[in-house]
Amino acid sequence: MAVIVVGLNHRTVPLDLLERMTVPAERLPKALHDLVSRENITEAVLLSTCNRTEIYVMAEKYHGALQDVRNSLSELTHVAPEDFVDELYAFHEVAAVAHLFSVASGLESAVLGESEILGQVRQAWEAATAEGAAGPGLHMLFRHALEVGKRARTETGIGRSTTSVSSAAVLLAAARLGTVAGKSVLILGAGEMGEGMAVSLAAAGAGEVLVANRTPERAEALAERVGGRAIGLFELPDALAEVDLLLTSTGAQSVMVDHAELESVVAARGGRELLIVDVAVPRDVDPTAADLPGVTLLDMDDLRAFSDAGLAERRREASKARDIVDEEVSRYHEASTARQVAPVIASLRDRIEELRTAELARIGRKLSEAERAELDALSRGLVGKLLHEPTVRLKEAAGSVRGERLAEALRELFDLD
């Protein structure tokens, strides 16, 4: 059984395709059940964020699992396979492990070293566990990935300065406006990203902060936390006519602010500029709104470009984080291969011990106590030496085709379970 990851991210596909391939939380259970029902997949975890959609599976046949994932993604997102299969990346075994460890460490993020991805990896694993889609293989992998992500941030400076997409969004807005201090801001979306933006705004001295969300209770809780005010979604047009900045990051699958709505807002603003930073994927604001006079619309592509400008220090730290990833991949591989062959080795030793003790009992009846003890010690030593080389060879070959052949040969030769 091997681990395989198939996916696409902000580096491999345009934003418009990435947003079409996102999997919202409400469709995650169906997606996970569909994946593990496929012929070649036994376990699955689906990680879908504003930067990536990736599926991690345990499977015996690489090409069969790859086809299963492609078909499942197409059916789930209603995107024709020919529109995305050439854009997919796929990693197998050690490369798949290294990729997940890099993702958890923030090395693959749009904002290098951002901290939000570690929580998203955990949530994806927990969701798969809750649906019964993740089993022993992926439990071991994701548990280790979280450890690697924490270690990368503890032992390196990769997470210094801008450490999240939400804080980067506020910094981008501040750079465009000159400052956010004293500015009136509307936050659309009160999830983890919205919370991060609200906290960053409060720290930067923003003026009035309005919060709107599909669930009013969440909007109220977040607004109260930062001394802001919650509003209903029906109040968006009036609020947009007044604020200096709109920050949006909902999980909606359709546009929340369309062109026509913003057109009327522009008329009501009387020529005052409106800055919009939309970090949602799929996007919350109709991209054509950028054509409206007085509206500056920025999205994840702009955020990546902005973040790239301040990367010098974190890039130096990234090499240290990659060293940690390489080290942890080796450690995981050793633990994983040992885990794979452990049952065979244990069964072999139990079988040989059963034969040894049976023969010792048969012969021992004719011997004195001292002779039985001497024979017991002799036979133990002999068995240990005889099993040493097969054990070493099996551990070395674990996880490979040769290892499978050796393990199967031992099972057959010694009638192991």
Protein backbone atom coordinates (compact mmCIF):
# COMPACT_ATOMS: atom_id res chain seq x y z
CA MET A 1 0.00 0.00 0.00
CA ALA A 2 1.45 3.37 -1.07
CA VAL A 3 0.59 7.02 -0.42
CA ILE A 4 -0.25 9.13 -3.48
CA VAL A 5 -1.15 12.82 -3.73
CA VAL A 6 -2.93 14.33 -6.72
CA GLY A 7 -3.73 18.02 -6.93
CA LEU A 8 -3.37 21.50 -8.33
CA ASN A 9 -2.41 24.77 -6.66
CA HIS A 10 -1.79 28.47 -7.11
CA ARG A 11 1.52 27.81 -8.83
CA THR A 12 0.24 25.35 -11.42
CA VAL A 13 -3.11 26.74 -12.58
CA PRO A 14 -4.76 30.13 -13.15
CA LEU A 15 -6.97 31.49 -10.39
CA ASP A 16 -10.16 31.01 -12.42
CA LEU A 17 -9.52 27.25 -12.75
CA LEU A 18 -8.38 26.90 -9.15
CA GLU A 19 -11.61 28.42 -7.87
CA ARG A 20 -13.67 26.07 -10.04
CA MET A 21 -11.83 23.12 -8.48
CA THR A 22 -12.30 24.08 -4.82
CA VAL A 23 -14.37 21.77 -2.64
CA PRO A 24 -16.50 23.62 -0.05
CA ALA A 25 -16.85 22.20 3.45
CA GLU A 26 -20.46 21.17 2.94
CA ARG A 27 -19.50 18.89 0.03
CA LEU A 28 -16.50 17.36 1.77
CA PRO A 29 -18.30 14.34 3.32
CA LYS A 30 -19.75 13.33 -0.05
CA ALA A 31 -16.36 13.77 -1.70
CA LEU A 32 -14.57 11.61 0.87
CA HIS A 33 -17.15 8.83 0.72
CA ASP A 34 -16.97 8.85 -3.07
CA LEU A 35 -13.18 8.59 -3.04
CA VAL A 36 -12.96 5.60 -0.70
CA SER A 37 -15.71 3.84 -2.62
CA ARG A 38 -13.50 3.78 -5.72
CA GLU A 39 -11.87 0.49 -6.70
CA ASN A 40 -8.24 1.48 -6.15
CA ILE A 41 -8.50 3.75 -3.09
CA THR A 42 -8.61 2.52 0.51
CA GLU A 43 -8.05 5.79 2.42
CA ALA A 44 -8.42 9.46 1.49
CA VAL A 45 -7.90 12.99 2.84
CA LEU A 46 -9.01 16.02 0.81
CA LEU A 47 -7.26 19.35 1.42
CA SER A 48 -9.02 22.30 -0.25
CA THR A 49 -7.93 25.86 0.57
CA CYS A 50 -7.68 29.20 -1.22
CA ASN A 51 -4.32 28.04 -2.60
CA ARG A 52 -4.83 24.37 -3.44
CA THR A 53 -7.05 21.35 -3.91
CA GLU A 54 -5.15 18.15 -3.10
CA ILE A 55 -6.26 14.58 -2.51
CA TYR A 56 -4.08 12.21 -0.51
CA VAL A 57 -4.89 8.50 -0.84
CA MET A 58 -3.56 5.10 0.14
CA ALA A 59 -3.62 2.72 -2.81
CA GLU A 60 -1.95 -0.37 -4.24
CA LYS A 61 -2.07 0.63 -7.92
CA TYR A 62 -0.69 4.06 -8.79
CA HIS A 63 -2.30 4.52 -12.21
CA GLY A 64 -5.63 3.09 -11.08
CA ALA A 65 -5.74 5.43 -8.09
CA LEU A 66 -4.75 8.39 -10.27
CA GLN A 67 -7.65 7.69 -12.62
CA ASP A 68 -10.04 7.26 -9.69
CA VAL A 69 -9.04 10.65 -8.26
CA ARG A 70 -9.39 12.37 -11.65
CA ASN A 71 -12.88 10.92 -12.16
CA SER A 72 -13.97 11.80 -8.64
CA LEU A 73 -12.71 15.40 -8.97
CA SER A 74 -14.50 15.85 -12.27
CA GLU A 75 -17.80 14.55 -10.93
CA LEU A 76 -17.50 16.55 -7.73
CA THR A 77 -16.62 19.92 -9.29
CA HIS A 78 -18.58 19.46 -12.56
CA VAL A 79 -15.43 20.35 -14.50
CA ALA A 80 -14.71 18.24 -17.57
CA PRO A 81 -11.53 16.11 -17.20
CA GLU A 82 -9.99 17.63 -20.33
CA ASP A 83 -10.13 21.04 -18.65
CA PHE A 84 -7.81 20.10 -15.80
CA VAL A 85 -6.08 16.69 -16.14
CA ASP A 86 -3.06 18.18 -17.91
CA GLU A 87 -2.66 20.65 -15.02
CA LEU A 88 -2.66 18.06 -12.23
CA TYR A 89 0.50 17.07 -10.39
CA ALA A 90 0.86 13.65 -8.82
CA PHE A 91 3.47 12.39 -6.36
CA HIS A 92 4.02 8.84 -5.18
CA GLU A 93 5.46 7.48 -1.93
CA VAL A 94 8.56 9.44 -0.79
CA ALA A 95 7.77 12.37 -3.11
CA ALA A 96 4.17 12.48 -1.82
CA VAL A 97 5.38 12.48 1.79
CA ALA A 98 7.89 15.27 1.05
CA HIS A 99 5.16 17.31 -0.64
CA LEU A 100 2.77 17.11 2.32
CA PHE A 101 5.55 17.94 4.78
CA SER A 102 6.46 20.97 2.64
CA VAL A 103 2.82 22.07 2.51
CA ALA A 104 2.46 21.77 6.30
CA SER A 105 5.67 23.79 6.75
CA GLY A 106 4.35 26.67 4.64
CA LEU A 107 6.92 26.10 1.90
CA GLU A 108 4.27 25.69 -0.80
CA SER A 109 2.04 28.60 0.26
CA ALA A 110 1.36 31.80 -1.67
CA VAL A 111 2.71 33.64 1.37
CA LEU A 112 5.87 31.74 2.24
CA GLY A 113 5.77 30.44 5.80
CA GLU A 114 2.14 31.42 6.47
CA SER A 115 0.72 29.82 9.57
CA GLU A 116 -2.90 29.17 8.51
CA ILE A 117 -2.04 26.14 6.38
CA LEU A 118 -1.05 24.03 9.40
CA GLY A 119 -4.56 24.36 10.84
CA GLN A 120 -6.06 23.61 7.43
CA VAL A 121 -4.03 20.39 7.15
CA ARG A 122 -5.24 19.36 10.60
CA GLN A 123 -8.86 20.16 9.72
CA ALA A 124 -8.66 18.14 6.49
CA TRP A 125 -7.32 15.13 8.40
CA GLU A 126 -9.93 15.48 11.14
CA ALA A 127 -12.73 15.72 8.57
CA ALA A 128 -11.51 12.55 6.83
CA THR A 129 -11.27 10.79 10.18
CA ALA A 130 -14.80 11.82 11.12
CA GLU A 131 -16.10 10.38 7.84
CA GLY A 132 -14.13 7.15 8.24
CA ALA A 133 -12.09 7.91 5.12
CA ALA A 134 -8.69 8.13 6.83
CA GLY A 135 -7.18 4.92 8.22
CA PRO A 136 -3.89 3.82 9.79
CA GLY A 137 -1.75 4.77 6.81
CA LEU A 138 -2.93 8.38 6.51
CA HIS A 139 -3.20 8.79 10.29
CA MET A 140 0.51 8.07 10.56
CA LEU A 141 1.33 10.39 7.64
CA PHE A 142 -0.75 13.40 8.75
CA ARG A 143 0.24 13.10 12.39
CA HIS A 144 3.87 13.29 11.29
CA ALA A 145 3.11 16.18 8.89
CA LEU A 146 1.72 18.29 11.73
CA GLU A 147 4.85 17.61 13.76
CA VAL A 148 7.02 18.70 10.83
CA GLY A 149 5.02 21.91 10.35
CA LYS A 150 5.39 22.84 14.01
CA ARG A 151 9.09 22.00 14.00
CA ALA A 152 9.74 24.15 10.88
CA ARG A 153 8.18 27.17 12.57
CA THR A 154 9.86 26.53 15.92
CA GLU A 155 13.40 25.93 14.65
CA THR A 156 13.52 28.41 11.75
CA GLY A 157 12.42 31.97 11.04
CA ILE A 158 10.24 31.01 8.09
CA GLY A 159 7.17 32.31 9.91
CA ARG A 160 8.56 35.75 10.79
CA SER A 161 6.93 38.98 9.59
CA THR A 162 3.91 38.20 7.40
CA THR A 163 2.80 34.77 8.58
CA SER A 164 -0.70 34.42 7.16
CA VAL A 165 -2.77 35.24 4.12
CA SER A 166 -5.10 37.32 6.28
CA SER A 167 -2.34 39.52 7.70
CA ALA A 168 -0.78 39.83 4.23
CA ALA A 169 -4.15 41.03 2.90
CA VAL A 170 -4.24 43.81 5.49
CA LEU A 171 -0.63 44.78 4.72
CA LEU A 172 -1.46 44.88 1.00
CA ALA A 173 -4.42 47.17 1.72
CA ALA A 174 -2.24 49.39 3.90
CA ALA A 175 0.36 49.64 1.14
CA ARG A 176 -2.31 50.74 -1.38
CA LEU A 177 -4.05 53.17 0.99
CA GLY A 178 -0.91 54.47 2.67
CA THR A 179 -2.28 53.21 5.99
CA VAL A 180 -5.36 51.49 7.37
CA ALA A 181 -5.19 53.51 10.59
CA GLY A 182 -8.42 55.42 10.98
CA LYS A 183 -9.92 53.88 7.82
CA SER A 184 -13.43 52.44 7.81
CA VAL A 185 -13.41 48.78 6.77
CA LEU A 186 -16.00 46.17 5.88
CA ILE A 187 -15.03 42.53 6.39
CA LEU A 188 -17.16 40.07 4.44
CA GLY A 189 -16.77 36.59 5.95
CA ALA A 190 -16.27 35.76 9.64
CA GLY A 191 -14.38 32.49 9.31
CA GLU A 192 -10.76 31.86 10.17
CA MET A 193 -9.51 34.18 7.43
CA GLY A 194 -11.95 36.93 8.34
CA GLU A 195 -10.97 36.62 11.98
CA GLY A 196 -7.30 36.96 11.07
CA MET A 197 -7.98 40.09 9.02
CA ALA A 198 -10.06 41.63 11.81
CA VAL A 199 -7.32 41.05 14.37
CA SER A 200 -4.69 42.53 12.02
CA LEU A 201 -6.88 45.56 11.37
CA ALA A 202 -7.38 46.17 15.08
CA ALA A 203 -3.63 45.95 15.66
CA ALA A 204 -3.04 48.44 12.83
CA GLY A 205 -5.42 50.99 14.34
CA ALA A 206 -8.24 50.76 11.80
CA GLY A 207 -11.26 52.99 12.36
CA GLU A 208 -14.78 51.54 12.26
CA VAL A 209 -14.79 47.83 11.40
CA LEU A 210 -18.02 46.34 10.04
CA VAL A 211 -18.45 42.55 9.80
CA ALA A 212 -20.94 40.74 7.59
CA ASN A 213 -21.44 36.99 7.40
CA ARG A 214 -24.04 34.45 6.29
CA THR A 215 -24.30 33.36 9.93
CA PRO A 216 -25.14 36.53 11.90
CA GLU A 217 -23.97 35.05 15.21
CA ARG A 218 -20.43 34.61 13.89
CA ALA A 219 -20.41 38.17 12.57
CA GLU A 220 -21.55 39.48 15.94
CA ALA A 221 -18.94 37.47 17.85
CA LEU A 222 -16.09 38.66 15.62
CA ALA A 223 -17.26 42.27 15.64
CA GLU A 224 -17.47 42.25 19.42
CA ARG A 225 -13.94 40.84 19.65
CA VAL A 226 -12.42 43.76 17.74
CA GLY A 227 -14.78 46.50 18.92
CA GLY A 228 -16.57 46.62 15.57
CA ARG A 229 -20.18 46.31 14.44
CA ALA A 230 -21.99 43.40 12.79
CA ILE A 231 -24.30 44.07 9.85
CA GLY A 232 -26.65 41.89 7.80
CA LEU A 233 -25.86 40.88 4.25
CA PHE A 234 -28.83 42.98 3.08
CA GLU A 235 -26.96 46.04 4.40
CA LEU A 236 -23.92 45.50 2.15
CA PRO A 237 -24.80 48.13 -0.49
CA ASP A 238 -25.25 50.87 2.12
CA ALA A 239 -22.05 49.87 3.91
CA LEU A 240 -20.05 49.76 0.67
CA ALA A 241 -21.18 53.28 -0.11
CA GLU A 242 -19.46 54.50 3.06
CA VAL A 243 -16.33 52.41 3.81
CA ASP A 244 -12.80 52.97 2.53
CA LEU A 245 -11.91 49.28 2.25
CA LEU A 246 -13.65 45.96 1.65
CA LEU A 247 -11.83 42.77 2.72
CA THR A 248 -13.58 39.58 1.67
CA SER A 249 -12.90 35.92 2.35
CA THR A 250 -16.11 33.88 2.48
CA GLY A 251 -16.43 30.23 1.53
CA ALA A 252 -19.31 30.94 -0.87
CA GLN A 253 -19.34 29.12 -4.18
CA SER A 254 -20.89 32.03 -6.07
CA VAL A 255 -20.25 35.77 -6.30
CA MET A 256 -21.32 37.69 -3.19
CA VAL A 257 -20.87 41.19 -4.67
CA ASP A 258 -21.76 41.50 -8.34
CA HIS A 259 -20.95 44.14 -10.95
CA ALA A 260 -24.39 45.74 -10.96
CA GLU A 261 -24.42 46.11 -7.18
CA LEU A 262 -21.02 47.79 -7.18
CA GLU A 263 -22.05 50.02 -10.07
CA SER A 264 -24.82 51.50 -7.93
CA VAL A 265 -22.38 51.76 -5.00
CA VAL A 266 -19.94 53.75 -7.14
CA ALA A 267 -22.69 56.20 -8.03
CA ALA A 268 -23.57 56.61 -4.35
CA ARG A 269 -19.93 57.23 -3.34
CA GLY A 270 -19.72 60.45 -5.30
CA GLY A 271 -16.26 59.86 -6.70
CA ARG A 272 -14.59 58.53 -3.52
CA GLU A 273 -12.18 55.63 -4.18
CA LEU A 274 -13.01 52.12 -2.94
CA LEU A 275 -10.31 49.51 -2.42
CA ILE A 276 -11.37 45.85 -2.45
CA VAL A 277 -9.05 43.00 -1.44
CA ASP A 278 -10.74 39.71 -2.29
CA VAL A 279 -8.76 36.70 -1.00
CA ALA A 280 -11.62 34.21 -1.35
CA VAL A 281 -11.31 31.24 -3.69
CA PRO A 282 -13.72 31.11 -5.47
CA ARG A 283 -13.73 34.91 -5.58
CA ASP A 284 -16.46 36.80 -3.72
CA VAL A 285 -16.41 39.86 -5.96
CA ASP A 286 -17.22 39.83 -9.67
CA PRO A 287 -13.81 40.32 -11.40
CA THR A 288 -15.40 42.74 -13.90
CA ALA A 289 -15.91 45.17 -11.01
CA ALA A 290 -12.29 46.18 -11.56
CA ASP A 291 -13.47 48.08 -14.65
CA LEU A 292 -15.66 50.42 -12.62
CA PRO A 293 -14.33 53.96 -12.07
CA GLY A 294 -12.99 54.52 -8.58
CA VAL A 295 -12.81 50.81 -7.75
CA THR A 296 -9.48 49.05 -7.21
CA LEU A 297 -9.99 45.30 -7.02
CA LEU A 298 -7.13 43.06 -5.82
CA ASP A 299 -7.22 39.27 -5.53
CA MET A 300 -4.96 36.33 -4.64
CA ASP A 301 -2.74 36.95 -7.67
CA ASP A 302 -2.04 40.48 -6.44
CA LEU A 303 -1.47 39.20 -2.92
CA ARG A 304 1.14 36.71 -4.16
CA ALA A 305 2.95 39.43 -6.10
CA PHE A 306 2.92 41.68 -3.03
CA SER A 307 4.20 38.93 -0.76
CA ASP A 308 7.02 38.05 -3.17
CA ALA A 309 8.43 41.54 -2.73
CA GLY A 310 9.32 40.96 0.95
CA LEU A 311 10.64 37.43 0.88
CA ALA A 312 14.40 37.81 1.24
CA GLU A 313 14.68 36.87 4.92
CA ARG A 314 12.06 34.12 4.83
CA ARG A 315 13.65 32.60 1.73
CA ARG A 316 16.91 32.25 3.65
CA GLU A 317 15.01 30.52 6.43
CA ALA A 318 13.14 28.38 3.89
CA SER A 319 16.32 26.46 3.08
CA LYS A 320 16.56 25.50 6.76
CA ALA A 321 12.93 24.42 6.73
CA ARG A 322 13.58 22.28 3.65
CA ASP A 323 16.45 20.60 5.48
CA ILE A 324 14.00 19.75 8.27
CA VAL A 325 11.53 18.37 5.71
CA ASP A 326 14.24 16.17 4.16
CA GLU A 327 15.27 14.89 7.57
CA GLU A 328 11.70 14.16 8.59
CA VAL A 329 10.93 12.40 5.30
CA SER A 330 13.78 10.00 6.00
CA ARG A 331 12.56 9.47 9.55
CA TYR A 332 9.02 8.86 8.34
CA HIS A 333 10.21 6.41 5.68
CA GLU A 334 12.16 4.42 8.25
CA ALA A 335 9.19 4.30 10.61
CA SER A 336 6.76 3.48 7.82
CA THR A 337 8.80 0.66 6.33
CA ALA A 338 9.46 -0.83 9.76
CA ARG A 339 5.71 -0.71 10.40
CA GLN A 340 4.98 -2.50 7.12
CA VAL A 341 7.27 -5.47 7.76
CA ALA A 342 6.78 -5.67 11.51
CA PRO A 343 3.81 -8.09 11.32
CA VAL A 344 5.69 -10.50 9.03
CA ILE A 345 8.82 -10.40 11.19
CA ALA A 346 6.76 -10.90 14.34
CA SER A 347 4.88 -13.83 12.80
CA LEU A 348 8.14 -15.43 11.62
CA ARG A 349 9.75 -15.11 15.03
CA ASP A 350 6.62 -16.46 16.74
CA ARG A 351 6.56 -19.44 14.37
CA ILE A 352 10.23 -20.26 14.91
CA GLU A 353 9.88 -19.81 18.67
CA GLU A 354 6.89 -22.18 18.65
CA LEU A 355 8.98 -24.85 16.88
CA ARG A 356 11.97 -24.26 19.15
CA THR A 357 10.02 -24.55 22.40
CA ALA A 358 8.19 -27.66 21.14
CA GLU A 359 11.47 -29.43 20.33
CA LEU A 360 13.01 -28.28 23.61
CA ALA A 361 10.05 -29.71 25.53
CA ARG A 362 10.31 -33.01 23.63
CA ILE A 363 14.03 -33.47 24.15
CA GLY A 364 14.17 -31.83 27.57
CA ARG A 365 12.34 -34.69 29.28
CA LYS A 366 15.47 -36.77 28.96
CA LEU A 367 17.83 -34.07 30.26
CA SER A 368 18.74 -32.68 33.63
CA GLU A 369 17.66 -29.16 34.61
CA ALA A 370 21.15 -27.81 33.95
CA GLU A 371 21.26 -29.50 30.53
CA ARG A 372 17.83 -28.13 29.62
CA ALA A 373 18.96 -24.61 30.55
CA GLU A 374 22.10 -25.01 28.45
CA LEU A 375 20.11 -26.31 25.49
CA ASP A 376 17.58 -23.48 25.85
CA ALA A 377 20.33 -20.87 25.74
CA LEU A 378 22.04 -22.59 22.81
CA SER A 379 18.84 -22.83 20.77
CA ARG A 380 17.89 -19.20 21.50
CA GLY A 381 21.28 -17.99 20.31
CA LEU A 382 21.13 -20.14 17.19
CA VAL A 383 17.62 -18.95 16.29
CA GLY A 384 18.64 -15.32 16.82
CA LYS A 385 21.59 -15.68 14.46
CA LEU A 386 19.56 -17.52 11.84
CA LEU A 387 16.80 -14.86 11.84
CA HIS A 388 19.10 -11.83 11.94
CA GLU A 389 19.97 -11.70 8.25
CA PRO A 390 16.42 -12.37 6.94
CA THR A 391 15.10 -9.68 9.30
CA VAL A 392 17.66 -7.11 8.13
CA ARG A 393 17.05 -7.92 4.45
CA LEU A 394 13.30 -7.68 4.86
CA LYS A 395 13.51 -4.32 6.62
CA GLU A 396 15.84 -2.95 3.93
CA ALA A 397 13.49 -4.05 1.15
CA ALA A 398 10.29 -2.93 2.88
CA GLY A 399 8.04 -0.75 0.78
CA SER A 400 9.46 -2.04 -2.52
CA VAL A 401 8.33 -4.74 -4.95
CA ARG A 402 11.28 -6.87 -3.81
CA GLY A 403 10.17 -6.42 -0.21
CA GLU A 404 6.67 -7.64 -1.08
CA ARG A 405 8.15 -10.72 -2.78
CA LEU A 406 10.34 -11.52 0.21
CA ALA A 407 7.48 -11.06 2.65
CA GLU A 408 5.19 -13.28 0.58
CA ALA A 409 7.90 -15.94 0.30
CA LEU A 410 8.30 -16.01 4.09
CA ARG A 411 4.55 -16.26 4.60
CA GLU A 412 4.34 -19.23 2.24
CA LEU A 413 7.52 -21.04 3.35
CA PHE A 414 6.68 -20.84 7.06
CA ASP A 415 2.88 -20.93 6.76
CA LEU A 416 2.50 -17.52 8.42
CA ASP A 417 -0.82 -15.78 8.94
